[in-house]
Protein backbone atom coordinates (compact mmCIF):
# COMPACT_ATOMS: atom_id res chain seq x y z
CA MET A 1 -122.99 23.05 -69.68
CA ALA A 2 -124.23 23.55 -73.28
CA SER A 3 -120.49 23.55 -74.43
CA ILE A 4 -117.31 23.66 -73.38
CA GLU A 5 -116.69 27.31 -73.69
CA GLU A 6 -119.87 27.87 -71.75
CA ALA A 7 -118.21 25.67 -69.01
CA VAL A 8 -114.86 27.08 -68.80
CA CYS A 9 -116.18 30.69 -69.04
CA TRP A 10 -119.16 30.07 -65.94
CA SER A 11 -117.10 32.78 -63.53
CA GLY A 12 -116.54 35.22 -66.91
CA PRO A 13 -113.64 34.53 -68.16
CA ALA A 14 -112.32 31.62 -69.18
CA VAL A 15 -110.57 29.37 -66.51
CA PHE A 16 -108.69 25.98 -67.68
CA VAL A 17 -108.00 23.70 -64.54
CA LEU A 18 -105.17 22.07 -65.30
CA CYS A 19 -104.18 19.48 -63.04
CA THR A 20 -100.82 16.82 -62.65
CA LEU A 21 -99.93 13.97 -60.84
CA GLY A 22 -96.89 12.75 -60.65
CA ARG A 23 -93.43 12.33 -58.77
CA ALA A 24 -91.74 15.65 -59.10
CA GLU A 25 -92.60 17.51 -56.02
CA ALA A 26 -91.84 21.21 -57.88
CA ARG A 27 -94.74 22.70 -59.40
CA LEU A 28 -94.12 23.82 -62.24
CA ALA A 29 -92.02 26.97 -63.41
CA LYS A 30 -93.25 30.27 -63.57
CA GLY A 31 -94.16 31.52 -67.50
CA ALA A 32 -94.38 26.88 -68.23
CA PHE A 33 -97.80 27.56 -69.50
CA ASP A 34 -96.36 30.61 -71.85
CA VAL A 35 -96.35 28.71 -74.96
CA SER A 36 -97.95 28.84 -78.31
CA GLY A 37 -98.00 32.21 -79.14
CA MET A 38 -100.25 32.63 -75.95
CA ARG A 39 -99.90 33.89 -72.12
CA PRO A 40 -102.47 33.18 -69.55
CA ASP A 41 -103.96 36.84 -67.60
CA ARG A 42 -103.57 34.99 -64.31
CA VAL A 43 -102.31 31.46 -63.14
CA GLU A 44 -103.10 30.16 -59.89
CA VAL A 45 -101.38 26.72 -58.65
CA PHE A 46 -103.09 24.78 -55.83
CA ARG A 47 -100.86 21.69 -54.38
CA LEU A 48 -103.69 19.25 -53.51
CA ALA A 49 -102.85 16.84 -50.96
CA SER A 50 -104.55 13.37 -49.46
CA ASP A 51 -103.97 10.82 -47.31
CA CYS A 52 -105.09 7.95 -49.62
CA TRP A 53 -101.85 9.18 -52.08
CA ALA A 54 -98.69 7.13 -51.51
CA PRO A 55 -95.37 9.12 -50.43
CA GLY A 56 -93.55 10.38 -53.44
CA VAL A 57 -96.74 10.79 -55.09
CA VAL A 58 -97.67 14.80 -56.14
CA VAL A 59 -101.03 16.55 -57.24
CA TRP A 60 -100.89 19.92 -58.64
CA GLU A 61 -103.98 21.92 -59.78
CA TYR A 62 -103.23 25.13 -62.42
CA ASP A 63 -106.09 27.46 -62.59
CA LEU A 64 -105.06 28.97 -66.36
CA GLY A 65 -107.11 32.38 -66.55
CA PHE A 66 -108.10 34.39 -69.51
CA ASP A 67 -109.47 37.50 -70.20
CA ASP A 68 -110.23 36.93 -74.20
CA ALA A 69 -112.21 33.27 -74.23
CA GLY A 70 -112.32 33.88 -77.90
CA GLN A 71 -109.13 32.03 -78.92
CA GLY A 72 -108.31 28.99 -80.59
CA PHE A 73 -107.53 27.38 -77.29
CA VAL A 74 -107.00 23.57 -78.72
CA PRO A 75 -103.52 23.98 -80.11
CA TYR A 76 -102.30 25.73 -76.53
CA LEU A 77 -103.75 23.50 -74.25
CA THR A 78 -102.38 20.53 -76.57
CA GLN A 79 -99.12 21.84 -75.17
CA CYS A 80 -99.83 22.91 -71.69
CA LEU A 81 -100.71 19.04 -71.43
CA ARG A 82 -96.97 18.22 -72.69
CA THR A 83 -94.71 20.50 -70.73
CA ALA A 84 -96.62 19.95 -67.90
CA SER A 85 -97.00 15.61 -68.17
CA LEU A 86 -92.91 16.19 -68.39
CA GLY A 87 -92.83 18.48 -65.63
CA ALA A 88 -94.43 16.30 -63.44
CA GLU A 89 -93.22 13.75 -64.93
CA GLY A 90 -96.61 12.33 -64.70
CA ILE A 91 -99.87 12.26 -66.18
CA ALA A 92 -101.74 15.63 -66.78
CA TRP A 93 -105.46 16.22 -67.33
CA LEU A 94 -108.04 18.99 -67.80
CA ALA A 95 -111.19 19.01 -66.22
CA PHE A 96 -114.04 21.12 -65.57
CA GLU A 97 -114.00 22.98 -62.29
CA GLY A 98 -115.50 21.34 -59.35
CA THR A 99 -115.11 17.98 -61.09
CA PHE A 100 -111.74 16.85 -59.11
CA HIS A 101 -111.61 14.54 -56.50
CA PHE A 102 -109.60 11.82 -55.48
CA ASP A 103 -111.75 8.49 -55.61
CA HIS A 104 -112.85 9.20 -59.02
CA LEU A 105 -110.21 10.11 -61.38
CA PHE A 106 -109.98 8.78 -64.37
CA THR A 107 -113.44 6.66 -63.93
CA GLU A 108 -116.57 6.58 -66.46
CA ASP A 109 -118.44 8.62 -64.35
CA VAL A 110 -116.43 11.92 -64.34
CA ALA A 111 -115.23 11.20 -68.28
CA GLU A 112 -117.46 14.02 -69.41
CA HIS A 113 -115.97 16.00 -67.30
CA ILE A 114 -112.36 15.59 -68.41
CA TYR A 115 -111.46 17.67 -71.61
CA GLY A 116 -107.51 16.58 -71.85
CA TYR A 117 -104.93 14.27 -71.44
CA CYS A 118 -101.57 13.74 -71.14
CA VAL A 119 -99.67 10.41 -69.91
CA PRO A 120 -95.76 9.89 -69.88
CA GLY A 121 -94.67 9.35 -73.39
CA GLY A 122 -98.20 9.81 -75.08
CA GLU A 123 -99.47 12.35 -77.17
CA PRO A 124 -101.52 15.19 -75.66
CA ARG A 125 -105.62 14.59 -76.53
CA VAL A 126 -107.52 17.65 -76.71
CA THR A 127 -111.23 18.22 -77.55
CA TRP A 128 -113.61 21.31 -77.75
CA ASP A 129 -116.19 18.52 -78.65
CA HIS A 130 -119.50 18.38 -76.22
CA ASP A 131 -120.42 15.07 -77.69
CA VAL A 132 -117.18 13.68 -77.85
CA LEU A 133 -117.15 13.98 -74.47
CA LYS A 134 -120.06 12.20 -73.73
CA GLY A 135 -119.13 9.40 -76.42
CA GLU A 136 -118.02 5.90 -75.68
CA GLY A 137 -115.13 6.29 -77.38
CA TRP A 138 -114.04 9.29 -75.08
CA ARG A 139 -114.76 6.93 -71.71
CA ARG A 140 -112.67 4.16 -73.10
CA ALA A 141 -109.94 7.07 -73.81
CA VAL A 142 -110.10 7.99 -70.18
CA ALA A 143 -110.49 4.58 -68.57
CA GLU A 144 -107.01 4.11 -70.67
CA VAL A 145 -105.64 6.91 -68.50
CA ARG A 146 -106.72 5.36 -65.27
CA ALA A 147 -105.09 2.22 -66.73
CA VAL A 148 -101.66 4.14 -66.84
CA LEU A 149 -102.15 5.86 -63.70
CA GLU A 150 -103.01 2.60 -61.45
CA ASP A 151 -99.64 0.96 -63.66
CA ALA A 152 -96.98 4.07 -63.30
CA PHE A 153 -98.42 4.98 -59.78
CA PRO A 154 -99.59 1.50 -58.38
CA ALA A 155 -99.34 2.88 -54.94
CA ALA A 156 -101.08 5.65 -55.55
CA GLY A 157 -104.95 4.80 -56.02
CA PRO A 158 -107.49 5.21 -53.64
CA GLN A 159 -106.86 2.90 -50.08
């Protein structure tokens, strides 16, 4: 992968995979991702289930599709993460297609595949710089998200 834009446009149109892990049972309302003057052309929603999560922990995946990949996405994605974290009553993150695995949430081996996150009460962070994703600072930041996950959802980790 040479750039983040190439990664989110691997199938043609831009697809942003935004996941949430939280306590809210309901998925985000239709229109929740119509923010910052932008609206996805398509939104697909999947509830992710795993036996290794404690009752009361809900994981959703939202695939936000855009036909025009030439837009300035960082402010948009920043607001989407804020909205999703609040709505999920938990953590929201952006990751490349095909990198989600329950056993590896926010671990060092997937840090460079996560290009945005928001933890409860925190400010969203989004990077559009592939070199940043490969850096030690980003790995540390993602490890801090893992610590928040383990603290906020102590029974939520893999068993």
